[in-house]
């Protein structure tokens, strides 16, 4: 499919309507590629102002064991006939 589209583009010369920064329509494939390069360079290299990310001290401590009642309650709340999770165990079991 890609090859067919590529060959059609080569035969027809149609690459879509792209305009230069000054508004002129670009016709050649090299001009279009250069304009896309400029666009992405401008878009992805621009730094946006943002608030500094606050530093939060990590919480460390013992991990509490999971109670069987918690597991039973979680399984009871799960809906039947849904996709399995990462453990490949459905809630119906």
N, C-alpha and C. Protein backbone atom coordinates (compact mmCIF):
# COMPACT_ATOMS: atom_id res chain seq x y z
N UNK A 1 0.82 -1.18 0.00
CA UNK A 1 0.00 0.00 0.00
C UNK A 1 0.87 1.25 0.00
N UNK A 2 1.93 1.25 0.82
CA UNK A 2 2.81 2.40 0.87
C UNK A 2 3.52 2.60 -0.47
N UNK A 3 3.93 1.49 -1.07
CA UNK A 3 4.64 1.58 -2.35
C UNK A 3 3.73 2.17 -3.42
N UNK A 4 2.47 1.77 -3.42
CA UNK A 4 1.53 2.30 -4.40
C UNK A 4 1.33 3.80 -4.20
N UNK A 5 1.18 4.20 -2.95
CA UNK A 5 1.01 5.62 -2.67
C UNK A 5 2.26 6.41 -3.07
N UNK A 6 3.43 5.87 -2.75
CA UNK A 6 4.68 6.54 -3.09
C UNK A 6 4.84 6.68 -4.60
N UNK A 7 4.51 5.62 -5.35
CA UNK A 7 4.65 5.69 -6.80
C UNK A 7 3.63 6.67 -7.39
N UNK A 8 2.43 6.72 -6.83
CA UNK A 8 1.43 7.69 -7.30
C UNK A 8 1.91 9.10 -7.04
N UNK A 9 2.50 9.32 -5.88
CA UNK A 9 3.03 10.64 -5.57
C UNK A 9 4.14 11.02 -6.53
N UNK A 10 4.99 10.07 -6.87
CA UNK A 10 6.09 10.35 -7.79
C UNK A 10 5.57 10.68 -9.18
N UNK A 11 4.52 9.98 -9.63
CA UNK A 11 3.98 10.20 -10.97
C UNK A 11 3.22 11.51 -11.04
N UNK A 12 2.35 11.74 -10.07
CA UNK A 12 1.52 12.95 -10.11
C UNK A 12 2.27 14.17 -9.62
N UNK A 13 3.27 13.96 -8.78
CA UNK A 13 4.01 15.09 -8.23
C UNK A 13 3.24 15.82 -7.15
N UNK A 14 2.13 15.24 -6.70
CA UNK A 14 1.30 15.91 -5.70
C UNK A 14 1.79 15.54 -4.30
N UNK A 15 2.24 16.52 -3.56
CA UNK A 15 2.71 16.28 -2.20
C UNK A 15 1.87 17.02 -1.17
N UNK A 16 0.75 17.57 -1.59
CA UNK A 16 -0.07 18.36 -0.68
C UNK A 16 0.32 19.83 -0.81
N UNK A 17 -0.48 20.68 -0.24
CA UNK A 17 -0.20 22.11 -0.31
C UNK A 17 0.58 22.51 0.93
N UNK A 18 1.80 22.94 0.71
CA UNK A 18 2.65 23.40 1.80
C UNK A 18 3.10 24.80 1.48
N UNK A 19 3.13 25.62 2.50
CA UNK A 19 3.53 27.01 2.30
C UNK A 19 4.80 27.30 3.06
N UNK A 20 5.61 28.17 2.47
CA UNK A 20 6.82 28.62 3.13
C UNK A 20 6.45 29.57 4.26
N UNK A 21 7.43 29.96 5.04
CA UNK A 21 7.18 30.86 6.16
C UNK A 21 6.61 32.20 5.68
N UNK A 22 6.96 32.60 4.47
CA UNK A 22 6.47 33.88 3.94
C UNK A 22 5.11 33.74 3.26
N UNK A 23 4.55 32.52 3.16
CA UNK A 23 3.22 32.31 2.59
C UNK A 23 3.22 31.81 1.16
N UNK A 24 4.39 31.73 0.51
CA UNK A 24 4.45 31.22 -0.86
C UNK A 24 4.23 29.71 -0.87
N UNK A 25 3.57 29.22 -1.91
CA UNK A 25 3.31 27.78 -2.04
C UNK A 25 4.58 27.09 -2.51
N UNK A 26 4.93 26.01 -1.84
CA UNK A 26 6.11 25.22 -2.20
C UNK A 26 5.69 24.11 -3.14
N UNK A 27 6.44 23.93 -4.21
CA UNK A 27 6.07 22.94 -5.22
C UNK A 27 7.04 21.76 -5.29
N UNK A 28 8.29 21.96 -5.06
CA UNK A 28 9.26 20.88 -5.19
C UNK A 28 9.36 20.04 -3.94
N UNK A 29 9.64 18.76 -4.09
CA UNK A 29 9.74 17.88 -2.91
C UNK A 29 10.86 18.29 -1.96
N UNK A 30 11.97 18.79 -2.51
CA UNK A 30 13.07 19.22 -1.65
C UNK A 30 12.68 20.45 -0.84
N UNK A 31 11.94 21.37 -1.47
CA UNK A 31 11.47 22.55 -0.75
C UNK A 31 10.50 22.17 0.36
N UNK A 32 9.61 21.22 0.07
CA UNK A 32 8.63 20.77 1.07
C UNK A 32 9.35 20.11 2.24
N UNK A 33 10.32 19.26 1.96
CA UNK A 33 11.07 18.58 3.03
C UNK A 33 11.83 19.60 3.88
N UNK A 34 12.41 20.59 3.24
CA UNK A 34 13.15 21.62 3.97
C UNK A 34 12.20 22.41 4.88
N UNK A 35 11.01 22.70 4.38
CA UNK A 35 10.02 23.44 5.19
C UNK A 35 9.58 22.61 6.39
N UNK A 36 9.37 21.29 6.20
CA UNK A 36 9.00 20.43 7.32
C UNK A 36 10.13 20.39 8.35
N UNK A 37 11.38 20.35 7.86
CA UNK A 37 12.53 20.34 8.77
C UNK A 37 12.53 21.62 9.61
N UNK A 38 12.31 22.77 8.96
CA UNK A 38 12.26 24.05 9.68
C UNK A 38 11.13 24.06 10.70
N UNK A 39 9.98 23.55 10.29
CA UNK A 39 8.80 23.54 11.17
C UNK A 39 9.07 22.72 12.43
N UNK A 40 9.59 21.50 12.25
CA UNK A 40 9.83 20.64 13.41
C UNK A 40 10.95 21.20 14.27
N UNK A 41 11.96 21.77 13.65
CA UNK A 41 13.05 22.35 14.41
C UNK A 41 12.53 23.49 15.28
N UNK A 42 11.67 24.31 14.72
CA UNK A 42 11.09 25.44 15.46
C UNK A 42 10.14 24.93 16.55
N UNK A 43 9.31 23.96 16.22
CA UNK A 43 8.29 23.48 17.16
C UNK A 43 8.89 22.74 18.34
N UNK A 44 9.82 21.83 18.08
CA UNK A 44 10.31 20.97 19.14
C UNK A 44 11.52 21.51 19.88
N UNK A 45 12.11 22.58 19.41
CA UNK A 45 13.25 23.15 20.11
C UNK A 45 12.89 24.42 20.87
N UNK A 46 11.60 24.76 20.89
CA UNK A 46 11.16 25.95 21.61
C UNK A 46 10.93 25.60 23.07
N UNK A 47 11.48 26.41 23.95
CA UNK A 47 11.34 26.18 25.38
C UNK A 47 10.16 26.99 25.90
N UNK A 48 9.24 26.33 26.57
CA UNK A 48 8.07 26.99 27.11
C UNK A 48 8.30 27.30 28.59
N UNK A 49 7.88 28.50 29.02
CA UNK A 49 8.05 28.82 30.44
C UNK A 49 7.11 27.97 31.30
N UNK A 50 7.61 27.49 32.40
CA UNK A 50 6.80 26.69 33.32
C UNK A 50 7.33 26.86 34.73
N UNK A 51 6.48 26.58 35.68
CA UNK A 51 6.87 26.66 37.07
C UNK A 51 7.85 25.55 37.39
N UNK A 52 8.78 25.80 38.30
CA UNK A 52 9.71 24.73 38.65
C UNK A 52 8.97 23.56 39.30
N UNK A 53 9.46 22.38 39.05
CA UNK A 53 8.85 21.17 39.62
C UNK A 53 9.28 21.08 41.08
N UNK A 54 8.32 21.00 41.99
CA UNK A 54 8.69 20.97 43.41
C UNK A 54 9.36 19.64 43.77
N UNK A 55 10.32 19.74 44.65
CA UNK A 55 11.01 18.54 45.12
C UNK A 55 10.27 18.00 46.33
N UNK A 56 9.91 16.74 46.28
CA UNK A 56 9.20 16.11 47.39
C UNK A 56 10.07 14.97 47.89
N UNK A 57 10.24 14.94 49.18
CA UNK A 57 11.04 13.88 49.78
C UNK A 57 10.31 12.54 49.60
N UNK A 58 11.05 11.53 49.19
CA UNK A 58 10.42 10.24 48.96
C UNK A 58 9.98 9.61 50.28
N UNK A 59 8.90 8.87 50.21
CA UNK A 59 8.36 8.22 51.39
C UNK A 59 8.90 6.79 51.43
N UNK A 60 9.58 6.49 52.48
CA UNK A 60 10.12 5.15 52.62
C UNK A 60 9.59 4.55 53.92
N UNK A 61 9.38 3.29 53.88
CA UNK A 61 8.88 2.63 55.08
C UNK A 61 8.48 1.21 54.75
N UNK A 62 8.00 0.49 55.73
CA UNK A 62 7.62 -0.89 55.48
C UNK A 62 6.35 -0.97 54.63
N UNK A 63 6.31 -1.96 53.77
CA UNK A 63 5.13 -2.20 52.94
C UNK A 63 4.20 -3.12 53.74
N UNK A 64 2.98 -2.65 53.92
CA UNK A 64 2.03 -3.43 54.70
C UNK A 64 1.54 -4.63 53.89
N UNK A 65 1.34 -5.77 54.53
CA UNK A 65 0.85 -6.95 53.80
C UNK A 65 -0.61 -6.76 53.37
N UNK A 66 -0.96 -7.41 52.28
CA UNK A 66 -2.33 -7.33 51.76
C UNK A 66 -3.18 -8.35 52.50
N UNK A 67 -4.28 -7.88 53.04
CA UNK A 67 -5.18 -8.75 53.80
C UNK A 67 -6.07 -9.54 52.84
N UNK A 68 -6.40 -10.78 53.17
CA UNK A 68 -7.30 -11.56 52.31
C UNK A 68 -8.66 -10.89 52.11
N UNK A 69 -9.13 -10.15 53.10
CA UNK A 69 -10.41 -9.45 52.97
C UNK A 69 -10.33 -8.37 51.89
N UNK A 70 -9.17 -7.71 51.77
CA UNK A 70 -8.99 -6.70 50.73
C UNK A 70 -9.06 -7.32 49.34
N UNK A 71 -8.43 -8.49 49.20
CA UNK A 71 -8.44 -9.18 47.91
C UNK A 71 -9.85 -9.61 47.56
N UNK A 72 -10.57 -10.18 48.52
CA UNK A 72 -11.95 -10.61 48.27
C UNK A 72 -12.83 -9.44 47.86
N UNK A 73 -12.67 -8.31 48.53
CA UNK A 73 -13.47 -7.13 48.22
C UNK A 73 -13.14 -6.60 46.82
N UNK A 74 -11.86 -6.59 46.45
CA UNK A 74 -11.46 -6.10 45.13
C UNK A 74 -12.00 -7.00 44.03
N UNK A 75 -11.94 -8.32 44.23
CA UNK A 75 -12.46 -9.26 43.23
C UNK A 75 -13.97 -9.14 43.13
N UNK A 76 -14.65 -8.92 44.24
CA UNK A 76 -16.10 -8.77 44.24
C UNK A 76 -16.53 -7.54 43.44
N UNK A 77 -15.74 -6.47 43.50
CA UNK A 77 -16.08 -5.23 42.79
C UNK A 77 -15.79 -5.31 41.29
N UNK A 78 -14.98 -6.28 40.86
CA UNK A 78 -14.64 -6.40 39.45
C UNK A 78 -15.84 -6.88 38.65
N UNK A 79 -15.96 -6.35 37.45
CA UNK A 79 -17.08 -6.73 36.59
C UNK A 79 -16.73 -8.01 35.83
N UNK A 80 -17.71 -8.91 35.65
CA UNK A 80 -17.44 -10.15 34.92
C UNK A 80 -17.35 -9.89 33.42
N UNK A 81 -16.78 -10.84 32.70
CA UNK A 81 -16.65 -10.81 31.23
C UNK A 81 -15.83 -9.63 30.74
N UNK A 82 -14.84 -9.22 31.49
CA UNK A 82 -13.94 -8.15 31.08
C UNK A 82 -12.58 -8.75 30.75
N UNK A 83 -11.77 -7.98 30.07
CA UNK A 83 -10.45 -8.46 29.68
C UNK A 83 -9.60 -8.74 30.92
N UNK A 84 -8.70 -9.68 30.78
CA UNK A 84 -7.83 -10.03 31.90
C UNK A 84 -6.79 -8.95 32.10
N UNK A 85 -6.23 -8.93 33.28
CA UNK A 85 -5.19 -7.97 33.61
C UNK A 85 -3.83 -8.50 33.20
N UNK A 86 -2.77 -7.89 33.70
CA UNK A 86 -1.42 -8.33 33.34
C UNK A 86 -1.09 -9.73 33.84
N UNK A 87 -1.85 -10.23 34.82
CA UNK A 87 -1.60 -11.58 35.33
C UNK A 87 -2.39 -12.64 34.58
N UNK A 88 -3.19 -12.24 33.58
CA UNK A 88 -3.99 -13.15 32.75
C UNK A 88 -5.00 -13.96 33.56
N UNK A 89 -5.46 -13.41 34.66
CA UNK A 89 -6.48 -14.08 35.47
C UNK A 89 -7.76 -13.27 35.39
N UNK A 90 -8.84 -13.85 34.87
CA UNK A 90 -10.10 -13.10 34.80
C UNK A 90 -10.74 -12.97 36.17
N UNK A 91 -11.63 -11.99 36.31
CA UNK A 91 -12.30 -11.76 37.60
C UNK A 91 -13.33 -12.84 37.88
N UNK A 92 -13.72 -13.62 36.87
CA UNK A 92 -14.75 -14.65 37.05
C UNK A 92 -14.26 -15.81 37.90
N UNK A 93 -12.96 -15.97 38.07
CA UNK A 93 -12.41 -17.13 38.76
C UNK A 93 -12.70 -17.06 40.23
